[in-house]
Amino acid sequence: MAEVLPTNPRLKLISTVAACALISAACSSLPAGNGTPGSRTPEALASDTTASTSASDDLNGHELYAENCMICHRKTATGGAATIQGKKIKPADLTKERLRTWSDDKWLRDVQAGDPDEGMPAFRNKLSSEQILAIINYIRTLQQAS
């Protein structure tokens, strides 16, 4: 079946503007770097003065990490002994080589589900997948810096 194009000039203009808006929105959500989360080095993030999507995601990830993870995993993500709500726990060192090799999907599932026996709360009802991925991207910058 042939596609019917609008013949009304006003309809053509509206269609063109709508298509441009969709393309612009899609392009602005693409990650910087080589297209993989965490692919930007801390130096690249520090030197980036543009208001790009990935720079704001990294800042958001830093803030989300500070609000949700830092209490146990510390500012440097190296973990260590902690007492939370009277329970002694040993949060993981997120900069260890074993965790550096985890895929974003593995990280996402692990953070969403948590591990109550180890003191890790589940974040599936507290943070969206996008927020958790922003935290993962930030953790990857900490891993690169260590």
C-alpha atoms as a PDB file:
ATOM      1  CA  MET A   1       0.000   0.000   0.000  1.00  0.00           C
ATOM      2  CA  ALA A   2       1.410   3.388  -0.992  1.00  0.00           C
ATOM      3  CA  GLU A   3       2.053   5.983   1.707  1.00  0.00           C
ATOM      4  CA  VAL A   4      -0.254   8.980   1.487  1.00  0.00           C
ATOM      5  CA  LEU A   5       1.588  12.272   1.939  1.00  0.00           C
ATOM      6  CA  PRO A   6      -0.257  15.394   3.044  1.00  0.00           C
ATOM      7  CA  THR A   7      -1.031  17.789   0.209  1.00  0.00           C
ATOM      8  CA  ASN A   8      -2.006  20.681   2.466  1.00  0.00           C
ATOM      9  CA  PRO A   9       1.085  22.952   2.936  1.00  0.00           C
ATOM     10  CA  ARG A  10       0.186  23.541   6.590  1.00  0.00           C
ATOM     11  CA  LEU A  11      -0.019  19.770   7.219  1.00  0.00           C
ATOM     12  CA  LYS A  12       3.335  19.289   5.473  1.00  0.00           C
ATOM     13  CA  LEU A  13       4.919  21.889   7.757  1.00  0.00           C
ATOM     14  CA  ILE A  14       3.465  20.299  10.901  1.00  0.00           C
ATOM     15  CA  SER A  15       4.604  16.842   9.761  1.00  0.00           C
ATOM     16  CA  THR A  16       8.106  18.114   9.019  1.00  0.00           C
ATOM     17  CA  VAL A  17       8.419  19.900  12.377  1.00  0.00           C
ATOM     18  CA  ALA A  18       7.170  16.816  14.234  1.00  0.00           C
ATOM     19  CA  ALA A  19       9.643  14.570  12.399  1.00  0.00           C
ATOM     20  CA  CYS A  20      12.520  16.954  13.171  1.00  0.00           C
ATOM     21  CA  ALA A  21      11.554  17.055  16.843  1.00  0.00           C
ATOM     22  CA  LEU A  22      11.501  13.254  17.049  1.00  0.00           C
ATOM     23  CA  ILE A  23      14.889  12.944  15.341  1.00  0.00           C
ATOM     24  CA  SER A  24      16.383  15.625  17.586  1.00  0.00           C
ATOM     25  CA  ALA A  25      15.055  13.941  20.735  1.00  0.00           C
ATOM     26  CA  ALA A  26      16.390  10.562  19.639  1.00  0.00           C
ATOM     27  CA  CYS A  27      19.827  11.931  18.807  1.00  0.00           C
ATOM     28  CA  SER A  28      20.170  13.888  22.044  1.00  0.00           C
ATOM     29  CA  SER A  29      19.683  10.704  24.104  1.00  0.00           C
ATOM     30  CA  LEU A  30      22.643   8.874  22.516  1.00  0.00           C
ATOM     31  CA  PRO A  31      25.591   8.326  24.894  1.00  0.00           C
ATOM     32  CA  ALA A  32      28.911  10.071  24.331  1.00  0.00           C
ATOM     33  CA  GLY A  33      32.163   8.193  23.883  1.00  0.00           C
ATOM     34  CA  ASN A  34      32.117   4.832  22.154  1.00  0.00           C
ATOM     35  CA  GLY A  35      28.468   4.206  22.997  1.00  0.00           C
ATOM     36  CA  THR A  36      29.005   1.989  26.029  1.00  0.00           C
ATOM     37  CA  PRO A  37      28.076   3.093  29.551  1.00  0.00           C
ATOM     38  CA  GLY A  38      31.096   4.148  31.523  1.00  0.00           C
ATOM     39  CA  SER A  39      33.213   4.625  28.397  1.00  0.00           C
ATOM     40  CA  ARG A  40      34.197   8.188  29.292  1.00  0.00           C
ATOM     41  CA  THR A  41      37.283   8.659  31.427  1.00  0.00           C
ATOM     42  CA  PRO A  42      37.238  10.901  34.507  1.00  0.00           C
ATOM     43  CA  GLU A  43      39.556  13.276  32.610  1.00  0.00           C
ATOM     44  CA  ALA A  44      37.086  13.527  29.727  1.00  0.00           C
ATOM     45  CA  LEU A  45      34.247  14.198  32.134  1.00  0.00           C
ATOM     46  CA  ALA A  46      36.236  16.876  33.940  1.00  0.00           C
ATOM     47  CA  SER A  47      37.219  18.632  30.699  1.00  0.00           C
ATOM     48  CA  ASP A  48      33.728  18.513  29.201  1.00  0.00           C
ATOM     49  CA  THR A  49      32.154  21.931  29.645  1.00  0.00           C
ATOM     50  CA  THR A  50      29.193  21.322  27.380  1.00  0.00           C
ATOM     51  CA  ALA A  51      25.760  20.593  28.776  1.00  0.00           C
ATOM     52  CA  SER A  52      25.649  17.179  27.145  1.00  0.00           C
ATOM     53  CA  THR A  53      23.299  14.394  28.152  1.00  0.00           C
ATOM     54  CA  SER A  54      26.090  12.089  29.314  1.00  0.00           C
ATOM     55  CA  ALA A  55      27.713  14.813  31.443  1.00  0.00           C
ATOM     56  CA  SER A  56      24.408  15.457  33.201  1.00  0.00           C
ATOM     57  CA  ASP A  57      23.919  11.686  33.594  1.00  0.00           C
ATOM     58  CA  ASP A  58      27.351  11.419  35.242  1.00  0.00           C
ATOM     59  CA  LEU A  59      26.521  14.275  37.609  1.00  0.00           C
ATOM     60  CA  ASN A  60      23.172  12.661  38.340  1.00  0.00           C
ATOM     61  CA  GLY A  61      24.918   9.315  38.927  1.00  0.00           C
ATOM     62  CA  HIS A  62      27.312  10.983  41.355  1.00  0.00           C
ATOM     63  CA  GLU A  63      24.423  12.541  43.278  1.00  0.00           C
ATOM     64  CA  LEU A  64      22.437   9.300  43.285  1.00  0.00           C
ATOM     65  CA  TYR A  65      25.507   7.378  44.461  1.00  0.00           C
ATOM     66  CA  ALA A  66      26.034   9.904  47.271  1.00  0.00           C
ATOM     67  CA  GLU A  67      22.389   9.605  48.364  1.00  0.00           C
ATOM     68  CA  ASN A  68      22.012   5.819  48.113  1.00  0.00           C
ATOM     69  CA  CYS A  69      25.373   4.032  48.090  1.00  0.00           C
ATOM     70  CA  MET A  70      28.016   6.132  49.796  1.00  0.00           C
ATOM     71  CA  ILE A  71      26.818   5.351  53.321  1.00  0.00           C
ATOM     72  CA  CYS A  72      28.004   1.749  52.885  1.00  0.00           C
ATOM     73  CA  HIS A  73      30.417   1.718  49.945  1.00  0.00           C
ATOM     74  CA  ARG A  74      32.148   4.995  50.921  1.00  0.00           C
ATOM     75  CA  LYS A  75      33.040   7.948  48.735  1.00  0.00           C
ATOM     76  CA  THR A  76      35.667   5.928  46.853  1.00  0.00           C
ATOM     77  CA  ALA A  77      33.436   2.823  46.390  1.00  0.00           C
ATOM     78  CA  THR A  78      35.983   0.715  48.294  1.00  0.00           C
ATOM     79  CA  GLY A  79      33.485  -0.546  50.880  1.00  0.00           C
ATOM     80  CA  GLY A  80      34.723  -1.874  54.207  1.00  0.00           C
ATOM     81  CA  ALA A  81      33.098  -2.464  57.572  1.00  0.00           C
ATOM     82  CA  ALA A  82      29.917  -0.523  58.353  1.00  0.00           C
ATOM     83  CA  THR A  83      27.102  -0.625  60.873  1.00  0.00           C
ATOM     84  CA  ILE A  84      23.680   0.131  59.436  1.00  0.00           C
ATOM     85  CA  GLN A  85      20.614   0.071  61.668  1.00  0.00           C
ATOM     86  CA  GLY A  86      22.578  -1.825  64.309  1.00  0.00           C
ATOM     87  CA  LYS A  87      23.713  -4.539  61.891  1.00  0.00           C
ATOM     88  CA  LYS A  88      27.416  -4.962  61.131  1.00  0.00           C
ATOM     89  CA  ILE A  89      28.005  -5.476  57.414  1.00  0.00           C
ATOM     90  CA  LYS A  90      30.970  -5.562  55.052  1.00  0.00           C
ATOM     91  CA  PRO A  91      29.926  -3.764  51.856  1.00  0.00           C
ATOM     92  CA  ALA A  92      31.725  -4.859  48.705  1.00  0.00           C
ATOM     93  CA  ASP A  93      34.675  -2.984  47.260  1.00  0.00           C
ATOM     94  CA  LEU A  94      33.114  -1.900  43.961  1.00  0.00           C
ATOM     95  CA  THR A  95      36.527  -1.098  42.476  1.00  0.00           C
ATOM     96  CA  LYS A  96      37.735  -4.737  42.557  1.00  0.00           C
ATOM     97  CA  GLU A  97      38.690  -6.332  39.235  1.00  0.00           C
ATOM     98  CA  ARG A  98      35.907  -8.936  39.493  1.00  0.00           C
ATOM     99  CA  LEU A  99      33.242  -6.218  39.604  1.00  0.00           C
ATOM    100  CA  ARG A 100      34.884  -4.228  36.805  1.00  0.00           C
ATOM    101  CA  THR A 101      34.090  -7.080  34.432  1.00  0.00           C
ATOM    102  CA  TRP A 102      30.365  -7.164  35.255  1.00  0.00           C
ATOM    103  CA  SER A 103      28.060  -6.093  32.449  1.00  0.00           C
ATOM    104  CA  ASP A 104      25.635  -3.238  33.020  1.00  0.00           C
ATOM    105  CA  ASP A 105      22.804  -5.803  32.996  1.00  0.00           C
ATOM    106  CA  LYS A 106      24.479  -7.814  35.782  1.00  0.00           C
ATOM    107  CA  TRP A 107      24.979  -4.652  37.844  1.00  0.00           C
ATOM    108  CA  LEU A 108      21.393  -3.577  37.219  1.00  0.00           C
ATOM    109  CA  ARG A 109      19.936  -6.933  38.301  1.00  0.00           C
ATOM    110  CA  ASP A 110      22.178  -7.059  41.375  1.00  0.00           C
ATOM    111  CA  VAL A 111      21.271  -3.548  42.557  1.00  0.00           C
ATOM    112  CA  GLN A 112      17.575  -4.044  41.852  1.00  0.00           C
ATOM    113  CA  ALA A 113      17.417  -7.352  43.766  1.00  0.00           C
ATOM    114  CA  GLY A 114      19.898  -6.530  46.537  1.00  0.00           C
ATOM    115  CA  ASP A 115      21.267  -9.183  48.882  1.00  0.00           C
ATOM    116  CA  PRO A 116      19.529  -8.940  52.272  1.00  0.00           C
ATOM    117  CA  ASP A 117      21.808 -11.600  53.816  1.00  0.00           C
ATOM    118  CA  GLU A 118      24.805  -9.394  53.045  1.00  0.00           C
ATOM    119  CA  GLY A 119      23.055  -6.169  54.079  1.00  0.00           C
ATOM    120  CA  MET A 120      22.521  -4.932  50.516  1.00  0.00           C
ATOM    121  CA  PRO A 121      18.992  -3.527  50.175  1.00  0.00           C
ATOM    122  CA  ALA A 122      16.956  -4.013  47.017  1.00  0.00           C
ATOM    123  CA  PHE A 123      16.574  -0.764  45.089  1.00  0.00           C
ATOM    124  CA  ARG A 124      13.950  -1.915  42.555  1.00  0.00           C
ATOM    125  CA  ASN A 125      11.208   0.046  44.319  1.00  0.00           C
ATOM    126  CA  LYS A 126      13.381   3.053  45.158  1.00  0.00           C
ATOM    127  CA  LEU A 127      15.326   3.795  41.969  1.00  0.00           C
ATOM    128  CA  SER A 128      14.393   3.505  38.297  1.00  0.00           C
ATOM    129  CA  SER A 129      16.524   1.448  35.914  1.00  0.00           C
ATOM    130  CA  GLU A 130      17.800   4.709  34.399  1.00  0.00           C
ATOM    131  CA  GLN A 131      18.865   5.999  37.821  1.00  0.00           C
ATOM    132  CA  ILE A 132      20.649   2.733  38.624  1.00  0.00           C
ATOM    133  CA  LEU A 133      22.414   2.840  35.242  1.00  0.00           C
ATOM    134  CA  ALA A 134      23.549   6.413  36.004  1.00  0.00           C
ATOM    135  CA  ILE A 135      24.997   5.144  39.305  1.00  0.00           C
ATOM    136  CA  ILE A 136      26.716   2.269  37.476  1.00  0.00           C
ATOM    137  CA  ASN A 137      28.236   4.749  35.022  1.00  0.00           C
ATOM    138  CA  TYR A 138      29.528   6.803  37.946  1.00  0.00           C
ATOM    139  CA  ILE A 139      30.930   3.694  39.680  1.00  0.00           C
ATOM    140  CA  ARG A 140      32.796   2.887  36.475  1.00  0.00           C
ATOM    141  CA  THR A 141      34.536   6.283  36.684  1.00  0.00           C
ATOM    142  CA  LEU A 142      35.600   5.407  40.252  1.00  0.00           C
ATOM    143  CA  GLN A 143      36.871   2.025  39.017  1.00  0.00           C
ATOM    144  CA  GLN A 144      38.952   3.730  36.325  1.00  0.00           C
ATOM    145  CA  ALA A 145      40.404   6.165  38.847  1.00  0.00           C
ATOM    146  CA  SER A 146      41.566   3.421  41.243  1.00  0.00           C
END
